[in-house]
C-alpha atoms as a PDB file:
ATOM      1  CA  UNK A   1      -0.464   0.479   0.067  1.00  0.00           C
ATOM      2  CA  UNK A   2       1.754   3.735  -0.965  1.00  0.00           C
ATOM      3  CA  UNK A   3       2.103   6.187   1.464  1.00  0.00           C
ATOM      4  CA  UNK A   4       0.353   9.452   1.228  1.00  0.00           C
ATOM      5  CA  UNK A   5       2.654  11.968   0.093  1.00  0.00           C
ATOM      6  CA  UNK A   6       4.345  13.618   2.925  1.00  0.00           C
ATOM      7  CA  UNK A   7       3.743  17.782   2.455  1.00  0.00           C
ATOM      8  CA  UNK A   8       6.335  20.192   2.060  1.00  0.00           C
ATOM      9  CA  UNK A   9       6.067  23.640   3.872  1.00  0.00           C
ATOM     10  CA  UNK A  10       7.978  26.597   2.950  1.00  0.00           C
ATOM     11  CA  UNK A  11       8.627  29.836   4.975  1.00  0.00           C
ATOM     12  CA  UNK A  12      10.871  32.449   6.157  1.00  0.00           C
ATOM     13  CA  UNK A  13      12.827  31.547   9.242  1.00  0.00           C
ATOM     14  CA  UNK A  14      10.183  33.029  11.435  1.00  0.00           C
ATOM     15  CA  UNK A  15      10.115  31.310  15.129  1.00  0.00           C
ATOM     16  CA  UNK A  16       6.243  31.499  15.525  1.00  0.00           C
ATOM     17  CA  UNK A  17       5.389  30.270  11.979  1.00  0.00           C
ATOM     18  CA  UNK A  18       7.768  27.802  11.586  1.00  0.00           C
ATOM     19  CA  UNK A  19       6.274  26.374  15.085  1.00  0.00           C
ATOM     20  CA  UNK A  20       2.884  26.948  14.024  1.00  0.00           C
ATOM     21  CA  UNK A  21       3.684  24.827  11.300  1.00  0.00           C
ATOM     22  CA  UNK A  22       5.225  21.969  13.072  1.00  0.00           C
ATOM     23  CA  UNK A  23       2.241  21.482  15.396  1.00  0.00           C
ATOM     24  CA  UNK A  24      -0.332  21.657  12.427  1.00  0.00           C
ATOM     25  CA  UNK A  25       1.793  19.049  10.247  1.00  0.00           C
ATOM     26  CA  UNK A  26       4.150  17.225  12.031  1.00  0.00           C
ATOM     27  CA  UNK A  27       5.835  14.630   9.510  1.00  0.00           C
ATOM     28  CA  UNK A  28       6.236  17.317   6.957  1.00  0.00           C
ATOM     29  CA  UNK A  29       9.131  18.547   5.631  1.00  0.00           C
ATOM     30  CA  UNK A  30      10.050  22.604   5.909  1.00  0.00           C
ATOM     31  CA  UNK A  31      11.969  24.762   3.898  1.00  0.00           C
ATOM     32  CA  UNK A  32      13.347  27.491   4.746  1.00  0.00           C
ATOM     33  CA  UNK A  33      14.269  30.761   2.435  1.00  0.00           C
ATOM     34  CA  UNK A  34      17.084  30.889   1.290  1.00  0.00           C
ATOM     35  CA  UNK A  35      16.987  34.392   0.386  1.00  0.00           C
ATOM     36  CA  UNK A  36      16.571  34.993   4.190  1.00  0.00           C
ATOM     37  CA  UNK A  37      18.891  32.637   5.386  1.00  0.00           C
ATOM     38  CA  UNK A  38      21.212  34.916   3.000  1.00  0.00           C
ATOM     39  CA  UNK A  39      20.271  37.877   3.831  1.00  0.00           C
ATOM     40  CA  UNK A  40      20.526  37.411   7.633  1.00  0.00           C
ATOM     41  CA  UNK A  41      24.241  36.018   6.876  1.00  0.00           C
ATOM     42  CA  UNK A  42      25.695  38.758   5.762  1.00  0.00           C
ATOM     43  CA  UNK A  43      24.583  41.294   7.842  1.00  0.00           C
ATOM     44  CA  UNK A  44      25.588  39.809  10.846  1.00  0.00           C
ATOM     45  CA  UNK A  45      28.720  39.306   9.029  1.00  0.00           C
ATOM     46  CA  UNK A  46      28.655  43.463   8.656  1.00  0.00           C
ATOM     47  CA  UNK A  47      27.604  44.626  11.377  1.00  0.00           C
ATOM     48  CA  UNK A  48      27.747  42.043  14.695  1.00  0.00           C
ATOM     49  CA  UNK A  49      30.923  40.206  12.796  1.00  0.00           C
ATOM     50  CA  UNK A  50      32.640  43.677  11.433  1.00  0.00           C
ATOM     51  CA  UNK A  51      33.557  41.661   8.208  1.00  0.00           C
ATOM     52  CA  UNK A  52      35.145  44.053   5.139  1.00  0.00           C
ATOM     53  CA  UNK A  53      32.326  43.786   2.378  1.00  0.00           C
ATOM     54  CA  UNK A  54      34.856  41.591   0.162  1.00  0.00           C
ATOM     55  CA  UNK A  55      35.542  39.493   2.698  1.00  0.00           C
ATOM     56  CA  UNK A  56      31.498  38.718   3.770  1.00  0.00           C
ATOM     57  CA  UNK A  57      31.250  38.356  -0.339  1.00  0.00           C
ATOM     58  CA  UNK A  58      33.680  35.641  -0.171  1.00  0.00           C
ATOM     59  CA  UNK A  59      32.136  33.123   2.257  1.00  0.00           C
ATOM     60  CA  UNK A  60      28.560  33.975   1.240  1.00  0.00           C
ATOM     61  CA  UNK A  61      29.714  33.046  -1.992  1.00  0.00           C
ATOM     62  CA  UNK A  62      31.223  29.535  -1.276  1.00  0.00           C
ATOM     63  CA  UNK A  63      28.144  28.919   0.155  1.00  0.00           C
ATOM     64  CA  UNK A  64      25.009  30.175  -1.722  1.00  0.00           C
ATOM     65  CA  UNK A  65      26.963  30.897  -4.497  1.00  0.00           C
ATOM     66  CA  UNK A  66      26.107  28.639  -8.369  1.00  0.00           C
ATOM     67  CA  UNK A  67      29.035  27.074  -7.622  1.00  0.00           C
ATOM     68  CA  UNK A  68      28.846  27.053  -3.818  1.00  0.00           C
ATOM     69  CA  UNK A  69      28.322  24.237  -0.824  1.00  0.00           C
ATOM     70  CA  UNK A  70      24.191  24.708  -1.239  1.00  0.00           C
ATOM     71  CA  UNK A  71      24.249  24.068  -5.423  1.00  0.00           C
ATOM     72  CA  UNK A  72      27.073  21.413  -5.657  1.00  0.00           C
ATOM     73  CA  UNK A  73      26.321  19.419  -2.249  1.00  0.00           C
ATOM     74  CA  UNK A  74      25.377  15.560  -3.327  1.00  0.00           C
ATOM     75  CA  UNK A  75      22.651  15.455  -0.776  1.00  0.00           C
ATOM     76  CA  UNK A  76      22.512  16.657   3.008  1.00  0.00           C
ATOM     77  CA  UNK A  77      25.070  14.682   4.595  1.00  0.00           C
ATOM     78  CA  UNK A  78      27.414  16.531   1.643  1.00  0.00           C
ATOM     79  CA  UNK A  79      26.409  19.322   2.670  1.00  0.00           C
ATOM     80  CA  UNK A  80      26.068  18.891   6.869  1.00  0.00           C
ATOM     81  CA  UNK A  81      29.995  18.208   5.532  1.00  0.00           C
ATOM     82  CA  UNK A  82      31.357  20.521   3.717  1.00  0.00           C
ATOM     83  CA  UNK A  83      29.407  23.344   5.936  1.00  0.00           C
ATOM     84  CA  UNK A  84      31.245  21.841   8.908  1.00  0.00           C
ATOM     85  CA  UNK A  85      34.920  21.933   7.008  1.00  0.00           C
ATOM     86  CA  UNK A  86      33.817  24.945   5.911  1.00  0.00           C
ATOM     87  CA  UNK A  87      33.351  26.201   9.856  1.00  0.00           C
ATOM     88  CA  UNK A  88      36.598  24.708  10.651  1.00  0.00           C
ATOM     89  CA  UNK A  89      39.309  25.779   8.663  1.00  0.00           C
ATOM     90  CA  UNK A  90      37.762  29.393   9.345  1.00  0.00           C
ATOM     91  CA  UNK A  91      39.793  31.345  11.592  1.00  0.00           C
ATOM     92  CA  UNK A  92      37.392  33.398  12.713  1.00  0.00           C
ATOM     93  CA  UNK A  93      35.391  32.744  16.024  1.00  0.00           C
ATOM     94  CA  UNK A  94      32.331  34.382  15.011  1.00  0.00           C
ATOM     95  CA  UNK A  95      32.116  33.598  11.379  1.00  0.00           C
ATOM     96  CA  UNK A  96      32.434  29.792  12.423  1.00  0.00           C
ATOM     97  CA  UNK A  97      29.716  30.197  15.463  1.00  0.00           C
ATOM     98  CA  UNK A  98      27.701  31.667  12.382  1.00  0.00           C
ATOM     99  CA  UNK A  99      28.094  29.032  10.036  1.00  0.00           C
ATOM    100  CA  UNK A 100      27.131  25.928  12.868  1.00  0.00           C
ATOM    101  CA  UNK A 101      24.097  27.815  13.817  1.00  0.00           C
ATOM    102  CA  UNK A 102      23.033  28.219  10.122  1.00  0.00           C
ATOM    103  CA  UNK A 103      24.098  24.530   9.068  1.00  0.00           C
ATOM    104  CA  UNK A 104      20.573  22.697  10.331  1.00  0.00           C
ATOM    105  CA  UNK A 105      18.535  25.050   8.544  1.00  0.00           C
ATOM    106  CA  UNK A 106      20.572  24.169   5.494  1.00  0.00           C
ATOM    107  CA  UNK A 107      20.710  20.625   6.067  1.00  0.00           C
ATOM    108  CA  UNK A 108      17.189  21.007   7.138  1.00  0.00           C
ATOM    109  CA  UNK A 109      16.334  22.362   3.049  1.00  0.00           C
ATOM    110  CA  UNK A 110      18.853  19.677   1.597  1.00  0.00           C
ATOM    111  CA  UNK A 111      16.792  16.960   3.237  1.00  0.00           C
ATOM    112  CA  UNK A 112      13.128  18.177   1.827  1.00  0.00           C
ATOM    113  CA  UNK A 113      14.621  18.499  -1.159  1.00  0.00           C
ATOM    114  CA  UNK A 114      15.768  14.559  -1.180  1.00  0.00           C
ATOM    115  CA  UNK A 115      11.818  13.960  -1.258  1.00  0.00           C
ATOM    116  CA  UNK A 116      10.562  12.165  -4.105  1.00  0.00           C
ATOM    117  CA  UNK A 117       8.269  13.901  -6.297  1.00  0.00           C
ATOM    118  CA  UNK A 118       9.674  17.648  -6.063  1.00  0.00           C
ATOM    119  CA  UNK A 119      11.150  18.468  -8.784  1.00  0.00           C
ATOM    120  CA  UNK A 120      13.245  22.205  -8.075  1.00  0.00           C
ATOM    121  CA  UNK A 121      15.373  24.621 -10.728  1.00  0.00           C
ATOM    122  CA  UNK A 122      17.023  25.395  -8.054  1.00  0.00           C
ATOM    123  CA  UNK A 123      18.261  23.808  -4.176  1.00  0.00           C
ATOM    124  CA  UNK A 124      18.182  27.920  -3.473  1.00  0.00           C
ATOM    125  CA  UNK A 125      14.928  27.836  -2.822  1.00  0.00           C
ATOM    126  CA  UNK A 126      12.898  31.223  -2.478  1.00  0.00           C
ATOM    127  CA  UNK A 127       9.595  32.711  -0.587  1.00  0.00           C
ATOM    128  CA  UNK A 128      10.081  35.211  -3.268  1.00  0.00           C
ATOM    129  CA  UNK A 129       6.114  34.314  -5.094  1.00  0.00           C
ATOM    130  CA  UNK A 130       5.151  33.901  -1.895  1.00  0.00           C
ATOM    131  CA  UNK A 131       6.520  37.378  -0.780  1.00  0.00           C
ATOM    132  CA  UNK A 132       4.463  38.987  -3.691  1.00  0.00           C
ATOM    133  CA  UNK A 133       1.193  37.830  -3.322  1.00  0.00           C
ATOM    134  CA  UNK A 134       1.150  38.925   0.141  1.00  0.00           C
ATOM    135  CA  UNK A 135       2.722  42.592  -0.558  1.00  0.00           C
ATOM    136  CA  UNK A 136      -0.573  42.193  -3.311  1.00  0.00           C
ATOM    137  CA  UNK A 137      -2.928  41.736  -0.557  1.00  0.00           C
ATOM    138  CA  UNK A 138      -1.518  44.008   1.930  1.00  0.00           C
ATOM    139  CA  UNK A 139      -2.114  47.208  -1.134  1.00  0.00           C
ATOM    140  CA  UNK A 140      -5.317  44.958  -1.360  1.00  0.00           C
ATOM    141  CA  UNK A 141      -6.657  45.189   3.041  1.00  0.00           C
ATOM    142  CA  UNK A 142      -4.997  49.155   2.459  1.00  0.00           C
ATOM    143  CA  UNK A 143      -2.734  47.119   5.958  1.00  0.00           C
ATOM    144  CA  UNK A 144      -5.795  47.132   8.157  1.00  0.00           C
ATOM    145  CA  UNK A 145      -7.438  44.384  10.149  1.00  0.00           C
ATOM    146  CA  UNK A 146     -10.617  42.800   8.499  1.00  0.00           C
ATOM    147  CA  UNK A 147     -13.232  40.319   9.534  1.00  0.00           C
ATOM    148  CA  UNK A 148     -12.085  35.959   8.793  1.00  0.00           C
ATOM    149  CA  UNK A 149     -16.007  36.904   6.044  1.00  0.00           C
ATOM    150  CA  UNK A 150     -14.596  39.723   4.426  1.00  0.00           C
ATOM    151  CA  UNK A 151     -10.569  38.028   4.097  1.00  0.00           C
ATOM    152  CA  UNK A 152     -12.017  35.391   2.395  1.00  0.00           C
ATOM    153  CA  UNK A 153     -14.561  37.783  -0.378  1.00  0.00           C
ATOM    154  CA  UNK A 154     -11.390  39.715  -0.800  1.00  0.00           C
ATOM    155  CA  UNK A 155      -9.152  37.374  -2.147  1.00  0.00           C
ATOM    156  CA  UNK A 156     -11.695  35.821  -3.531  1.00  0.00           C
ATOM    157  CA  UNK A 157     -11.682  38.727  -5.602  1.00  0.00           C
ATOM    158  CA  UNK A 158      -8.625  38.538  -6.529  1.00  0.00           C
ATOM    159  CA  UNK A 159      -8.163  36.012  -7.403  1.00  0.00           C
ATOM    160  CA  UNK A 160     -10.516  36.213 -10.028  1.00  0.00           C
ATOM    161  CA  UNK A 161      -8.588  39.207 -10.679  1.00  0.00           C
ATOM    162  CA  UNK A 162      -5.433  37.064 -12.147  1.00  0.00           C
ATOM    163  CA  UNK A 163      -7.854  34.920 -13.198  1.00  0.00           C
ATOM    164  CA  UNK A 164      -8.810  37.872 -15.806  1.00  0.00           C
ATOM    165  CA  UNK A 165      -5.578  38.636 -16.665  1.00  0.00           C
ATOM    166  CA  UNK A 166      -4.228  35.453 -17.622  1.00  0.00           C
ATOM    167  CA  UNK A 167      -7.114  35.335 -19.593  1.00  0.00           C
ATOM    168  CA  UNK A 168      -6.877  38.632 -21.125  1.00  0.00           C
ATOM    169  CA  UNK A 169      -3.281  37.575 -21.752  1.00  0.00           C
ATOM    170  CA  UNK A 170      -4.032  34.334 -23.051  1.00  0.00           C
ATOM    171  CA  UNK A 171      -6.697  35.734 -25.411  1.00  0.00           C
ATOM    172  CA  UNK A 172      -5.678  38.961 -26.463  1.00  0.00           C
ATOM    173  CA  UNK A 173      -8.694  40.363 -24.228  1.00  0.00           C
ATOM    174  CA  UNK A 174      -8.937  44.189 -23.838  1.00  0.00           C
ATOM    175  CA  UNK A 175      -6.419  46.156 -24.089  1.00  0.00           C
ATOM    176  CA  UNK A 176      -3.981  42.971 -24.690  1.00  0.00           C
ATOM    177  CA  UNK A 177      -3.238  42.202 -27.705  1.00  0.00           C
ATOM    178  CA  UNK A 178      -1.884  38.610 -29.120  1.00  0.00           C
ATOM    179  CA  UNK A 179       1.144  38.668 -32.549  1.00  0.00           C
ATOM    180  CA  UNK A 180      -0.556  37.243 -35.016  1.00  0.00           C
ATOM    181  CA  UNK A 181       1.652  34.329 -35.088  1.00  0.00           C
ATOM    182  CA  UNK A 182       0.879  32.799 -31.692  1.00  0.00           C
ATOM    183  CA  UNK A 183      -2.846  33.608 -32.405  1.00  0.00           C
ATOM    184  CA  UNK A 184      -3.642  30.431 -34.309  1.00  0.00           C
ATOM    185  CA  UNK A 185      -2.536  28.618 -31.299  1.00  0.00           C
ATOM    186  CA  UNK A 186      -5.536  29.739 -29.017  1.00  0.00           C
ATOM    187  CA  UNK A 187      -8.774  27.179 -28.401  1.00  0.00           C
ATOM    188  CA  UNK A 188     -11.338  29.736 -28.881  1.00  0.00           C
ATOM    189  CA  UNK A 189     -13.490  27.504 -26.391  1.00  0.00           C
ATOM    190  CA  UNK A 190     -11.018  28.028 -23.754  1.00  0.00           C
ATOM    191  CA  UNK A 191     -11.470  32.240 -24.536  1.00  0.00           C
ATOM    192  CA  UNK A 192     -15.405  31.722 -24.228  1.00  0.00           C
ATOM    193  CA  UNK A 193     -15.106  34.123 -27.012  1.00  0.00           C
ATOM    194  CA  UNK A 194     -16.101  32.814 -30.697  1.00  0.00           C
ATOM    195  CA  UNK A 195     -13.459  34.776 -32.264  1.00  0.00           C
ATOM    196  CA  UNK A 196      -9.804  36.875 -32.082  1.00  0.00           C
ATOM    197  CA  UNK A 197     -10.498  38.771 -35.224  1.00  0.00           C
ATOM    198  CA  UNK A 198     -12.302  41.198 -34.024  1.00  0.00           C
ATOM    199  CA  UNK A 199      -9.493  42.722 -31.385  1.00  0.00           C
ATOM    200  CA  UNK A 200      -7.193  45.683 -31.607  1.00  0.00           C
ATOM    201  CA  UNK A 201      -4.080  45.611 -34.029  1.00  0.00           C
ATOM    202  CA  UNK A 202      -1.299  43.641 -32.994  1.00  0.00           C
ATOM    203  CA  UNK A 203       1.296  45.989 -30.742  1.00  0.00           C
END
């Protein structure tokens, strides 16, 4: 009998949020946004450790760069070994301690990314898409708290707007117009319109 797929949840490193996720989904794999980890690591190196910019960038590149430990580590055990070796070979005790504190999060990320059926373009997972939607939601709410029913209605309105934008982009509706060479790829039934001939001129 096949086991149900274990969910994979992602967030920044906000402790109350991660605790709530662990309580609600104790068996879920959890990912921490590497953009937030990178920013926190860089700011700590600058503000608390006091490393010069060039030296900070060297450590950041070694861990988060496209040729760094996270990308080229073969699995979570290899990443853990590489991070440990990096910390042990660092003479600056403050930097060593910082790498040791961050390592469990990076290793946990690697474990989550090893789950069967999960395919990401890069192991440098970020919550950028969620952050974008979060910003849109805050703007739509004018940064105000709403009652639950009002919040649901506002979310529904945002989703409907997104669907309309997708339809416009696909079908050349309103101010969006498809080029002649790709109009033939669109199924009129999908657009809920009989033809695209009456659309505006190509732009």
